[in-house]
Amino acid sequence: SASATPAALGMAPEAMEELQAELEECLDTIRWCASSVTRESLHDIRSLQRPPSVVKDVLESVALLMGQPQGTWEKLRRFISTDMFLGKLQKLNFQQSVSKEQFRKLREKLSQADFDEELIKTVCVPVVPLAIWCRAIGVYLSKTKFPDGGDVRPVAGAGAATTSPSRHSTYAQNASAELIFEPDLSLMSIDELRRVRELTISRPGVGSIMFHGETDCLGVDFGRLVRLEVGEVLVYPDSTMKPPPGMGLNKAATVTMYQCWPPNGTKLLQDPKSQDRYKKKIKQMTEEKNARFIDYDCATGVWKFAVDQF
């Protein structure tokens, strides 16, 4: 779990809580990215004979964080070819292993203009999870172990590319300004707000949550309790605020997520067998998270599942 360490000293309780939530979501992003890297996506990266410079930058950053800096493309290709690479990526204890010098070099890489996840998506889809993994680690370390080492720009999709000026960090967003509610809560009386049927909260292009049955919405701070990001849905990001199952928003719901693309992109879309394998992988991943798989479509990137509680 995340720990609000040096950067949190002297903070007001509310700011400390917000930092804690941001760190937890950083860790979730790091884990999700590591689990999104597959042998197929690594094969696609290795097959590049003349990679765009940013692809090399991403792999150099990964190698740096794993304590095995590599200089040439050939060495980087060999580095991600080893049988142990995926295991090491998923188990890296970066909070302990990354030194101040490694962090300084990582921050230099991350501050380059073309080390931008939205831009990288247009250049080489398979390397995107690794790029976000590096940036999320950089953000986490800048808030904890190396608070004096300078800020790290948050993930591109969370600020530069799309969104509202109300957002103040990568993960801790002022979200209610970006969320759409159906039915429209602003038109409801107090009595109606206490019993909202099939409440749906959505964020355009990102996803939606439909809460089944009646939900009491009176006085609920949705911006603090619900986060919808590409590839991630969080209800009660601060687990200390979560009520018992069946209460508040901790209840049965159907989640729909957009932009959940296969890591090796267009190549997979042309192969029905690969699509089927990837769909089964998504189904297994869904069930491992104690959710009920409904559907996943490689062609549209839409993933749908149901939960009994959050």
C-alpha atoms as a PDB file:
ATOM      1  CA  SER A   1       0.000   0.000   0.000  1.00  0.00           C
ATOM      2  CA  ALA A   2       0.975   3.631  -0.418  1.00  0.00           C
ATOM      3  CA  SER A   3       2.552   5.585   2.384  1.00  0.00           C
ATOM      4  CA  ALA A   4       2.485   9.352   2.513  1.00  0.00           C
ATOM      5  CA  THR A   5       6.085   9.880   3.596  1.00  0.00           C
ATOM      6  CA  PRO A   6       8.364  12.968   3.450  1.00  0.00           C
ATOM      7  CA  ALA A   7       6.207  14.915   1.005  1.00  0.00           C
ATOM      8  CA  ALA A   8       3.278  14.691   3.415  1.00  0.00           C
ATOM      9  CA  LEU A   9       4.981  16.141   6.477  1.00  0.00           C
ATOM     10  CA  GLY A  10       3.269  19.270   7.698  1.00  0.00           C
ATOM     11  CA  MET A  11       0.233  18.780   5.445  1.00  0.00           C
ATOM     12  CA  ALA A  12      -3.318  19.513   6.496  1.00  0.00           C
ATOM     13  CA  PRO A  13      -5.385  16.328   7.036  1.00  0.00           C
ATOM     14  CA  GLU A  14      -7.437  16.920   3.872  1.00  0.00           C
ATOM     15  CA  ALA A  15      -4.294  17.396   1.744  1.00  0.00           C
ATOM     16  CA  MET A  16      -2.735  14.312   3.349  1.00  0.00           C
ATOM     17  CA  GLU A  17      -5.842  12.296   2.498  1.00  0.00           C
ATOM     18  CA  GLU A  18      -5.728  13.516  -1.083  1.00  0.00           C
ATOM     19  CA  LEU A  19      -2.027  12.638  -1.401  1.00  0.00           C
ATOM     20  CA  GLN A  20      -2.717   9.183   0.034  1.00  0.00           C
ATOM     21  CA  ALA A  21      -5.451   8.606  -2.564  1.00  0.00           C
ATOM     22  CA  GLU A  22      -3.133   9.819  -5.324  1.00  0.00           C
ATOM     23  CA  LEU A  23      -0.368   7.462  -4.205  1.00  0.00           C
ATOM     24  CA  GLU A  24      -2.762   4.508  -4.015  1.00  0.00           C
ATOM     25  CA  GLU A  25      -3.944   5.210  -7.526  1.00  0.00           C
ATOM     26  CA  CYS A  26      -0.340   5.528  -8.719  1.00  0.00           C
ATOM     27  CA  LEU A  27       0.296   2.029  -7.361  1.00  0.00           C
ATOM     28  CA  ASP A  28      -2.855   0.702  -9.035  1.00  0.00           C
ATOM     29  CA  THR A  29      -1.702   2.235 -12.337  1.00  0.00           C
ATOM     30  CA  ILE A  30       1.785   0.719 -11.964  1.00  0.00           C
ATOM     31  CA  ARG A  31       0.326  -2.747 -11.301  1.00  0.00           C
ATOM     32  CA  TRP A  32      -2.201  -2.454 -14.124  1.00  0.00           C
ATOM     33  CA  CYS A  33       0.456  -1.365 -16.631  1.00  0.00           C
ATOM     34  CA  ALA A  34       2.828  -4.170 -15.640  1.00  0.00           C
ATOM     35  CA  SER A  35       0.054  -6.754 -16.054  1.00  0.00           C
ATOM     36  CA  SER A  36      -0.896  -5.260 -19.461  1.00  0.00           C
ATOM     37  CA  VAL A  37       2.515  -6.064 -20.967  1.00  0.00           C
ATOM     38  CA  THR A  38       2.419  -9.431 -22.778  1.00  0.00           C
ATOM     39  CA  ARG A  39       4.892 -11.604 -24.646  1.00  0.00           C
ATOM     40  CA  GLU A  40       3.025 -10.662 -27.825  1.00  0.00           C
ATOM     41  CA  SER A  41       3.402  -6.928 -27.215  1.00  0.00           C
ATOM     42  CA  LEU A  42       7.111  -7.357 -26.401  1.00  0.00           C
ATOM     43  CA  HIS A  43       7.513  -9.356 -29.625  1.00  0.00           C
ATOM     44  CA  ASP A  44       5.967  -6.476 -31.582  1.00  0.00           C
ATOM     45  CA  ILE A  45       8.386  -4.018 -29.973  1.00  0.00           C
ATOM     46  CA  ARG A  46      11.385  -6.256 -30.642  1.00  0.00           C
ATOM     47  CA  SER A  47      10.403  -6.621 -34.289  1.00  0.00           C
ATOM     48  CA  LEU A  48      11.034  -2.896 -34.910  1.00  0.00           C
ATOM     49  CA  GLN A  49      14.255  -2.593 -36.880  1.00  0.00           C
ATOM     50  CA  ARG A  50      14.422   1.199 -36.723  1.00  0.00           C
ATOM     51  CA  PRO A  51      12.312   2.220 -33.737  1.00  0.00           C
ATOM     52  CA  PRO A  52      11.144   5.810 -33.211  1.00  0.00           C
ATOM     53  CA  SER A  53      13.474   7.485 -30.711  1.00  0.00           C
ATOM     54  CA  VAL A  54      10.735   7.700 -28.078  1.00  0.00           C
ATOM     55  CA  VAL A  55      10.332   3.885 -28.109  1.00  0.00           C
ATOM     56  CA  LYS A  56      14.033   3.562 -27.324  1.00  0.00           C
ATOM     57  CA  ASP A  57      13.646   6.229 -24.607  1.00  0.00           C
ATOM     58  CA  VAL A  58      10.823   4.251 -22.970  1.00  0.00           C
ATOM     59  CA  LEU A  59      12.806   0.994 -22.944  1.00  0.00           C
ATOM     60  CA  GLU A  60      15.907   2.810 -21.656  1.00  0.00           C
ATOM     61  CA  SER A  61      13.766   4.176 -18.798  1.00  0.00           C
ATOM     62  CA  VAL A  62      12.433   0.692 -18.005  1.00  0.00           C
ATOM     63  CA  ALA A  63      15.963  -0.759 -18.012  1.00  0.00           C
ATOM     64  CA  LEU A  64      17.155   2.117 -15.807  1.00  0.00           C
ATOM     65  CA  LEU A  65      14.419   1.472 -13.230  1.00  0.00           C
ATOM     66  CA  MET A  66      15.221  -2.239 -13.225  1.00  0.00           C
ATOM     67  CA  GLY A  67      18.878  -1.463 -12.533  1.00  0.00           C
ATOM     68  CA  GLN A  68      20.118  -2.763 -15.880  1.00  0.00           C
ATOM     69  CA  PRO A  69      20.778   0.313 -18.061  1.00  0.00           C
ATOM     70  CA  GLN A  70      21.231  -0.531 -21.748  1.00  0.00           C
ATOM     71  CA  GLY A  71      22.799   1.666 -24.407  1.00  0.00           C
ATOM     72  CA  THR A  72      21.969   0.286 -27.843  1.00  0.00           C
ATOM     73  CA  TRP A  73      18.721  -0.847 -29.456  1.00  0.00           C
ATOM     74  CA  GLU A  74      20.160  -4.345 -29.876  1.00  0.00           C
ATOM     75  CA  LYS A  75      20.887  -4.576 -26.142  1.00  0.00           C
ATOM     76  CA  LEU A  76      17.421  -3.230 -25.308  1.00  0.00           C
ATOM     77  CA  ARG A  77      15.822  -5.857 -27.557  1.00  0.00           C
ATOM     78  CA  ARG A  78      17.790  -8.601 -25.812  1.00  0.00           C
ATOM     79  CA  PHE A  79      16.880  -7.128 -22.426  1.00  0.00           C
ATOM     80  CA  ILE A  80      13.101  -7.422 -23.046  1.00  0.00           C
ATOM     81  CA  SER A  81      13.570 -10.875 -24.650  1.00  0.00           C
ATOM     82  CA  THR A  82      14.709 -12.632 -21.476  1.00  0.00           C
ATOM     83  CA  ASP A  83      12.319 -15.101 -19.837  1.00  0.00           C
ATOM     84  CA  MET A  84      12.562 -13.228 -16.542  1.00  0.00           C
ATOM     85  CA  PHE A  85      11.689  -9.764 -17.886  1.00  0.00           C
ATOM     86  CA  LEU A  86       7.900  -9.878 -17.313  1.00  0.00           C
ATOM     87  CA  GLY A  87       8.273 -11.322 -13.814  1.00  0.00           C
ATOM     88  CA  LYS A  88      10.811  -8.687 -12.823  1.00  0.00           C
ATOM     89  CA  LEU A  89       8.611  -5.937 -14.265  1.00  0.00           C
ATOM     90  CA  GLN A  90       5.621  -7.052 -12.199  1.00  0.00           C
ATOM     91  CA  LYS A  91       7.555  -7.599  -8.959  1.00  0.00           C
ATOM     92  CA  LEU A  92       9.936  -4.629  -9.013  1.00  0.00           C
ATOM     93  CA  ASN A  93      10.149  -3.090  -5.525  1.00  0.00           C
ATOM     94  CA  PHE A  94      10.876   0.377  -6.910  1.00  0.00           C
ATOM     95  CA  GLN A  95      10.182   2.142  -3.588  1.00  0.00           C
ATOM     96  CA  GLN A  96      13.349   0.541  -2.189  1.00  0.00           C
ATOM     97  CA  SER A  97      15.494  -0.192  -5.235  1.00  0.00           C
ATOM     98  CA  VAL A  98      15.502   3.134  -7.130  1.00  0.00           C
ATOM     99  CA  SER A  99      18.380   5.415  -6.081  1.00  0.00           C
ATOM    100  CA  LYS A 100      18.415   9.207  -6.201  1.00  0.00           C
ATOM    101  CA  GLU A 101      20.673   9.084  -9.278  1.00  0.00           C
ATOM    102  CA  GLN A 102      18.319   6.666 -11.059  1.00  0.00           C
ATOM    103  CA  PHE A 103      15.400   8.956 -10.223  1.00  0.00           C
ATOM    104  CA  ARG A 104      17.291  11.989 -11.574  1.00  0.00           C
ATOM    105  CA  LYS A 105      17.945  10.188 -14.879  1.00  0.00           C
ATOM    106  CA  LEU A 106      14.336   8.944 -15.043  1.00  0.00           C
ATOM    107  CA  ARG A 107      13.029  12.469 -14.476  1.00  0.00           C
ATOM    108  CA  GLU A 108      15.241  13.734 -17.325  1.00  0.00           C
ATOM    109  CA  LYS A 109      13.713  11.145 -19.658  1.00  0.00           C
ATOM    110  CA  LEU A 110      10.153  11.852 -18.532  1.00  0.00           C
ATOM    111  CA  SER A 111      10.574  15.604 -19.003  1.00  0.00           C
ATOM    112  CA  GLN A 112      11.369  15.248 -22.710  1.00  0.00           C
ATOM    113  CA  ALA A 113       8.587  16.698 -24.864  1.00  0.00           C
ATOM    114  CA  ASP A 114       8.079  13.543 -26.931  1.00  0.00           C
ATOM    115  CA  PHE A 115       7.878  11.261 -23.851  1.00  0.00           C
ATOM    116  CA  ASP A 116       4.128  11.836 -23.939  1.00  0.00           C
ATOM    117  CA  GLU A 117       1.729   8.894 -23.634  1.00  0.00           C
ATOM    118  CA  GLU A 118      -0.865  10.428 -25.963  1.00  0.00           C
ATOM    119  CA  LEU A 119       1.835  10.964 -28.607  1.00  0.00           C
ATOM    120  CA  ILE A 120       3.302   7.494 -28.052  1.00  0.00           C
ATOM    121  CA  LYS A 121      -0.150   5.966 -28.750  1.00  0.00           C
ATOM    122  CA  THR A 122       0.098   7.328 -32.292  1.00  0.00           C
ATOM    123  CA  VAL A 123       3.641   5.990 -32.756  1.00  0.00           C
ATOM    124  CA  CYS A 124       3.775   2.524 -31.126  1.00  0.00           C
ATOM    125  CA  VAL A 125       0.762   1.170 -29.213  1.00  0.00           C
ATOM    126  CA  PRO A 126       2.544  -1.856 -27.611  1.00  0.00           C
ATOM    127  CA  VAL A 127       5.006   0.370 -25.722  1.00  0.00           C
ATOM    128  CA  VAL A 128       2.295   2.597 -24.142  1.00  0.00           C
ATOM    129  CA  PRO A 129       1.827   0.516 -20.915  1.00  0.00           C
ATOM    130  CA  LEU A 130       5.596   0.631 -20.324  1.00  0.00           C
ATOM    131  CA  ALA A 131       5.620   4.419 -20.838  1.00  0.00           C
ATOM    132  CA  ILE A 132       2.774   4.932 -18.349  1.00  0.00           C
ATOM    133  CA  TRP A 133       4.470   2.481 -15.919  1.00  0.00           C
ATOM    134  CA  CYS A 134       7.637   4.635 -15.970  1.00  0.00           C
ATOM    135  CA  ARG A 135       5.722   7.880 -15.506  1.00  0.00           C
ATOM    136  CA  ALA A 136       3.534   6.565 -12.666  1.00  0.00           C
ATOM    137  CA  ILE A 137       6.665   5.361 -10.833  1.00  0.00           C
ATOM    138  CA  GLY A 138       8.255   8.783 -11.395  1.00  0.00           C
ATOM    139  CA  VAL A 139       5.179  10.574 -10.011  1.00  0.00           C
ATOM    140  CA  TYR A 140       5.052   8.249  -6.980  1.00  0.00           C
ATOM    141  CA  LEU A 141       8.748   8.677  -6.131  1.00  0.00           C
ATOM    142  CA  SER A 142       8.549  12.461  -6.571  1.00  0.00           C
ATOM    143  CA  LYS A 143       5.794  12.544  -3.932  1.00  0.00           C
ATOM    144  CA  THR A 144       7.460  10.165  -1.459  1.00  0.00           C
ATOM    145  CA  LYS A 145      11.125   9.119  -1.559  1.00  0.00           C
ATOM    146  CA  PHE A 146      12.514  12.099  -3.518  1.00  0.00           C
ATOM    147  CA  PRO A 147      10.266  15.097  -2.771  1.00  0.00           C
ATOM    148  CA  ASP A 148      13.228  17.457  -3.322  1.00  0.00           C
ATOM    149  CA  GLY A 149      14.120  15.952  -6.692  1.00  0.00           C
ATOM    150  CA  GLY A 150      11.616  18.035  -8.666  1.00  0.00           C
ATOM    151  CA  ASP A 151       8.084  17.358  -9.886  1.00  0.00           C
ATOM    152  CA  VAL A 152       7.251  14.811 -12.571  1.00  0.00           C
ATOM    153  CA  ARG A 153       4.589  15.743 -15.111  1.00  0.00           C
ATOM    154  CA  PRO A 154       1.538  13.498 -14.716  1.00  0.00           C
ATOM    155  CA  VAL A 155       0.258  11.074 -17.352  1.00  0.00           C
ATOM    156  CA  ALA A 156      -0.518  12.960 -20.569  1.00  0.00           C
ATOM    157  CA  GLY A 157      -4.124  11.844 -20.916  1.00  0.00           C
ATOM    158  CA  ALA A 158      -4.884  13.372 -17.553  1.00  0.00           C
ATOM    159  CA  GLY A 159      -3.992  16.924 -18.358  1.00  0.00           C
ATOM    160  CA  ALA A 160      -2.536  17.940 -21.660  1.00  0.00           C
ATOM    161  CA  ALA A 161      -4.665  16.078 -24.099  1.00  0.00           C
ATOM    162  CA  THR A 162      -8.298  16.403 -23.321  1.00  0.00           C
ATOM    163  CA  THR A 163      -9.610  17.852 -20.307  1.00  0.00           C
ATOM    164  CA  SER A 164     -10.963  20.266 -17.886  1.00  0.00           C
ATOM    165  CA  PRO A 165      -8.934  23.039 -16.266  1.00  0.00           C
ATOM    166  CA  SER A 166     -10.341  21.899 -12.938  1.00  0.00           C
ATOM    167  CA  ARG A 167      -7.988  18.921 -12.869  1.00  0.00           C
ATOM    168  CA  HIS A 168      -5.103  19.536 -10.507  1.00  0.00           C
ATOM    169  CA  SER A 169      -3.071  16.335 -10.766  1.00  0.00           C
ATOM    170  CA  THR A 170      -2.794  13.075 -12.639  1.00  0.00           C
ATOM    171  CA  TYR A 171      -4.809  10.937 -10.371  1.00  0.00           C
ATOM    172  CA  ALA A 172      -6.519  13.178  -7.828  1.00  0.00           C
ATOM    173  CA  GLN A 173      -8.945  14.933 -10.117  1.00  0.00           C
ATOM    174  CA  ASN A 174     -11.723  17.395  -9.462  1.00  0.00           C
ATOM    175  CA  ALA A 175     -13.881  14.870 -11.208  1.00  0.00           C
ATOM    176  CA  SER A 176     -17.472  15.944 -10.719  1.00  0.00           C
ATOM    177  CA  ALA A 177     -16.965  18.666 -13.345  1.00  0.00           C
ATOM    178  CA  GLU A 178     -16.226  15.943 -15.902  1.00  0.00           C
ATOM    179  CA  LEU A 179     -18.857  13.405 -14.875  1.00  0.00           C
ATOM    180  CA  ILE A 180     -22.302  13.113 -16.468  1.00  0.00           C
ATOM    181  CA  PHE A 181     -25.253  11.890 -14.397  1.00  0.00           C
ATOM    182  CA  GLU A 182     -28.362  10.128 -15.680  1.00  0.00           C
ATOM    183  CA  PRO A 183     -30.954  10.985 -14.559  1.00  0.00           C
ATOM    184  CA  ASP A 184     -29.890  14.620 -14.149  1.00  0.00           C
ATOM    185  CA  LEU A 185     -29.451  15.120 -10.391  1.00  0.00           C
ATOM    186  CA  SER A 186     -29.527  18.920 -10.692  1.00  0.00           C
ATOM    187  CA  LEU A 187     -33.218  18.772 -11.660  1.00  0.00           C
ATOM    188  CA  MET A 188     -34.308  16.614  -8.711  1.00  0.00           C
ATOM    189  CA  SER A 189     -36.015  17.519  -5.455  1.00  0.00           C
ATOM    190  CA  ILE A 190     -34.576  16.440  -2.093  1.00  0.00           C
ATOM    191  CA  ASP A 191     -37.011  13.523  -1.899  1.00  0.00           C
ATOM    192  CA  GLU A 192     -36.128  12.394  -5.428  1.00  0.00           C
ATOM    193  CA  LEU A 193     -32.382  12.595  -4.662  1.00  0.00           C
ATOM    194  CA  ARG A 194     -32.862  10.133  -1.811  1.00  0.00           C
ATOM    195  CA  ARG A 195     -34.175   7.461  -4.213  1.00  0.00           C
ATOM    196  CA  VAL A 196     -32.485   7.669  -7.622  1.00  0.00           C
ATOM    197  CA  ARG A 197     -33.213   4.573  -9.697  1.00  0.00           C
ATOM    198  CA  GLU A 198     -30.510   3.019 -11.908  1.00  0.00           C
ATOM    199  CA  LEU A 199     -28.118   5.953 -11.407  1.00  0.00           C
ATOM    200  CA  THR A 200     -25.573   6.070 -14.251  1.00  0.00           C
ATOM    201  CA  ILE A 201     -22.348   8.051 -13.924  1.00  0.00           C
ATOM    202  CA  SER A 202     -20.290   8.411 -17.103  1.00  0.00           C
ATOM    203  CA  ARG A 203     -17.296  10.218 -18.499  1.00  0.00           C
ATOM    204  CA  PRO A 204     -17.309  10.688 -22.295  1.00  0.00           C
ATOM    205  CA  GLY A 205     -14.815   8.480 -24.083  1.00  0.00           C
ATOM    206  CA  VAL A 206     -13.747   6.827 -20.822  1.00  0.00           C
ATOM    207  CA  GLY A 207     -16.589   4.744 -19.395  1.00  0.00           C
ATOM    208  CA  SER A 208     -19.684   4.512 -17.203  1.00  0.00           C
ATOM    209  CA  ILE A 209     -21.038   2.922 -14.023  1.00  0.00           C
ATOM    210  CA  MET A 210     -24.708   2.020 -13.626  1.00  0.00           C
ATOM    211  CA  PHE A 211     -25.674   1.530  -9.954  1.00  0.00           C
ATOM    212  CA  HIS A 212     -28.597  -0.891  -9.759  1.00  0.00           C
ATOM    213  CA  GLY A 213     -31.708  -0.308  -7.691  1.00  0.00           C
ATOM    214  CA  GLU A 214     -32.241   2.904  -5.730  1.00  0.00           C
ATOM    215  CA  THR A 215     -29.290   5.091  -4.667  1.00  0.00           C
ATOM    216  CA  ASP A 216     -29.389   7.878  -2.069  1.00  0.00           C
ATOM    217  CA  CYS A 217     -27.565  10.773  -3.796  1.00  0.00           C
ATOM    218  CA  LEU A 218     -28.349  13.477  -1.270  1.00  0.00           C
ATOM    219  CA  GLY A 219     -25.141  15.280  -0.248  1.00  0.00           C
ATOM    220  CA  VAL A 220     -22.848  12.750  -1.978  1.00  0.00           C
ATOM    221  CA  ASP A 221     -19.469  14.196  -3.084  1.00  0.00           C
ATOM    222  CA  PHE A 222     -19.194  12.206  -6.325  1.00  0.00           C
ATOM    223  CA  GLY A 223     -16.007  14.015  -7.353  1.00  0.00           C
ATOM    224  CA  ARG A 224     -14.291  12.503  -4.345  1.00  0.00           C
ATOM    225  CA  LEU A 225     -15.886   9.055  -4.400  1.00  0.00           C
ATOM    226  CA  VAL A 226     -15.879   8.142  -8.109  1.00  0.00           C
ATOM    227  CA  ARG A 227     -12.945   8.180 -10.503  1.00  0.00           C
ATOM    228  CA  LEU A 228     -13.249   7.164 -14.127  1.00  0.00           C
ATOM    229  CA  GLU A 229      -9.948   7.022 -16.023  1.00  0.00           C
ATOM    230  CA  VAL A 230      -8.959   5.240 -19.226  1.00  0.00           C
ATOM    231  CA  GLY A 231      -8.406   1.628 -18.169  1.00  0.00           C
ATOM    232  CA  GLU A 232      -9.501   2.172 -14.573  1.00  0.00           C
ATOM    233  CA  VAL A 233     -12.650   2.632 -12.482  1.00  0.00           C
ATOM    234  CA  LEU A 234     -12.422   3.506  -8.791  1.00  0.00           C
ATOM    235  CA  VAL A 235     -15.324   3.863  -6.376  1.00  0.00           C
ATOM    236  CA  TYR A 236     -14.212   4.935  -2.894  1.00  0.00           C
ATOM    237  CA  PRO A 237     -10.524   5.436  -3.797  1.00  0.00           C
ATOM    238  CA  ASP A 238     -10.009   6.157  -0.089  1.00  0.00           C
ATOM    239  CA  SER A 239     -11.030   2.793   1.377  1.00  0.00           C
ATOM    240  CA  THR A 240     -11.530   4.330   4.844  1.00  0.00           C
ATOM    241  CA  MET A 241     -14.622   6.101   3.460  1.00  0.00           C
ATOM    242  CA  LYS A 242     -16.194   2.910   2.091  1.00  0.00           C
ATOM    243  CA  PRO A 243     -19.477   1.886   3.783  1.00  0.00           C
ATOM    244  CA  PRO A 244     -20.577  -1.750   4.268  1.00  0.00           C
ATOM    245  CA  PRO A 245     -21.714  -3.668   1.146  1.00  0.00           C
ATOM    246  CA  GLY A 246     -25.119  -2.519  -0.080  1.00  0.00           C
ATOM    247  CA  MET A 247     -24.753   0.949   1.437  1.00  0.00           C
ATOM    248  CA  GLY A 248     -24.000   4.205  -0.407  1.00  0.00           C
ATOM    249  CA  LEU A 249     -22.228   3.494  -3.705  1.00  0.00           C
ATOM    250  CA  ASN A 250     -20.770   0.206  -2.447  1.00  0.00           C
ATOM    251  CA  LYS A 251     -23.440  -1.807  -4.215  1.00  0.00           C
ATOM    252  CA  ALA A 252     -24.247  -3.861  -7.308  1.00  0.00           C
ATOM    253  CA  ALA A 253     -23.315  -2.101 -10.538  1.00  0.00           C
ATOM    254  CA  THR A 254     -22.515  -2.639 -14.203  1.00  0.00           C
ATOM    255  CA  VAL A 255     -19.292  -1.056 -15.450  1.00  0.00           C
ATOM    256  CA  THR A 256     -18.539  -0.211 -19.093  1.00  0.00           C
ATOM    257  CA  MET A 257     -15.001   0.876 -20.002  1.00  0.00           C
ATOM    258  CA  TYR A 258     -13.856   2.356 -23.317  1.00  0.00           C
ATOM    259  CA  GLN A 259     -10.397   2.538 -24.938  1.00  0.00           C
ATOM    260  CA  CYS A 260      -9.318  -0.834 -23.506  1.00  0.00           C
ATOM    261  CA  TRP A 261      -7.272  -1.678 -26.573  1.00  0.00           C
ATOM    262  CA  PRO A 262      -5.197  -4.845 -26.978  1.00  0.00           C
ATOM    263  CA  PRO A 263      -1.506  -4.070 -26.352  1.00  0.00           C
ATOM    264  CA  ASN A 264      -0.480  -5.100 -29.867  1.00  0.00           C
ATOM    265  CA  GLY A 265      -3.166  -3.024 -31.533  1.00  0.00           C
ATOM    266  CA  THR A 266      -4.049  -3.386 -35.178  1.00  0.00           C
ATOM    267  CA  LYS A 267      -2.121  -6.620 -35.703  1.00  0.00           C
ATOM    268  CA  LEU A 268      -4.412  -8.417 -33.276  1.00  0.00           C
ATOM    269  CA  LEU A 269      -7.540  -7.000 -34.915  1.00  0.00           C
ATOM    270  CA  GLN A 270      -6.722  -8.887 -38.124  1.00  0.00           C
ATOM    271  CA  ASP A 271      -6.473 -12.301 -36.434  1.00  0.00           C
ATOM    272  CA  PRO A 272      -9.737 -13.819 -35.062  1.00  0.00           C
ATOM    273  CA  LYS A 273      -7.865 -16.470 -33.040  1.00  0.00           C
ATOM    274  CA  SER A 274      -5.725 -13.842 -31.323  1.00  0.00           C
ATOM    275  CA  GLN A 275      -8.874 -11.803 -30.641  1.00  0.00           C
ATOM    276  CA  ASP A 276     -10.519 -14.805 -29.024  1.00  0.00           C
ATOM    277  CA  ARG A 277      -7.442 -15.535 -26.895  1.00  0.00           C
ATOM    278  CA  TYR A 278      -7.252 -11.928 -25.742  1.00  0.00           C
ATOM    279  CA  LYS A 279     -10.982 -11.863 -24.942  1.00  0.00           C
ATOM    280  CA  LYS A 280     -10.512 -14.985 -22.781  1.00  0.00           C
ATOM    281  CA  LYS A 281      -7.606 -13.273 -21.022  1.00  0.00           C
ATOM    282  CA  ILE A 282      -9.808 -10.251 -20.261  1.00  0.00           C
ATOM    283  CA  LYS A 283     -12.539 -12.607 -18.983  1.00  0.00           C
ATOM    284  CA  GLN A 284     -10.070 -14.350 -16.671  1.00  0.00           C
ATOM    285  CA  MET A 285      -8.715 -11.011 -15.433  1.00  0.00           C
ATOM    286  CA  THR A 286     -12.295  -9.843 -14.750  1.00  0.00           C
ATOM    287  CA  GLU A 287     -13.122 -12.953 -12.728  1.00  0.00           C
ATOM    288  CA  GLU A 288      -9.870 -12.691 -10.749  1.00  0.00           C
ATOM    289  CA  LYS A 289     -11.107  -9.270  -9.592  1.00  0.00           C
ATOM    290  CA  ASN A 290     -14.320 -10.896  -8.261  1.00  0.00           C
ATOM    291  CA  ALA A 291     -16.392  -9.337 -11.050  1.00  0.00           C
ATOM    292  CA  ARG A 292     -18.741 -10.985 -13.566  1.00  0.00           C
ATOM    293  CA  PHE A 293     -17.590 -10.745 -17.172  1.00  0.00           C
ATOM    294  CA  ILE A 294     -20.259  -9.549 -19.631  1.00  0.00           C
ATOM    295  CA  ASP A 295     -18.398  -8.724 -22.850  1.00  0.00           C
ATOM    296  CA  TYR A 296     -15.208  -7.423 -24.441  1.00  0.00           C
ATOM    297  CA  ASP A 297     -14.690  -6.328 -28.061  1.00  0.00           C
ATOM    298  CA  CYS A 298     -11.132  -5.980 -29.441  1.00  0.00           C
ATOM    299  CA  ALA A 299     -12.374  -3.906 -32.375  1.00  0.00           C
ATOM    300  CA  THR A 300     -14.077  -1.230 -30.269  1.00  0.00           C
ATOM    301  CA  GLY A 301     -12.010  -1.499 -27.059  1.00  0.00           C
ATOM    302  CA  VAL A 302     -15.224  -1.743 -24.985  1.00  0.00           C
ATOM    303  CA  TRP A 303     -15.105  -3.921 -21.839  1.00  0.00           C
ATOM    304  CA  LYS A 304     -18.254  -4.578 -19.797  1.00  0.00           C
ATOM    305  CA  PHE A 305     -18.576  -6.356 -16.459  1.00  0.00           C
ATOM    306  CA  ALA A 306     -20.734  -6.427 -13.330  1.00  0.00           C
ATOM    307  CA  VAL A 307     -19.851  -6.250  -9.626  1.00  0.00           C
ATOM    308  CA  ASP A 308     -21.819  -6.995  -6.456  1.00  0.00           C
ATOM    309  CA  GLN A 309     -19.884  -4.316  -4.552  1.00  0.00           C
ATOM    310  CA  PHE A 310     -16.755  -2.141  -4.867  1.00  0.00           C
END
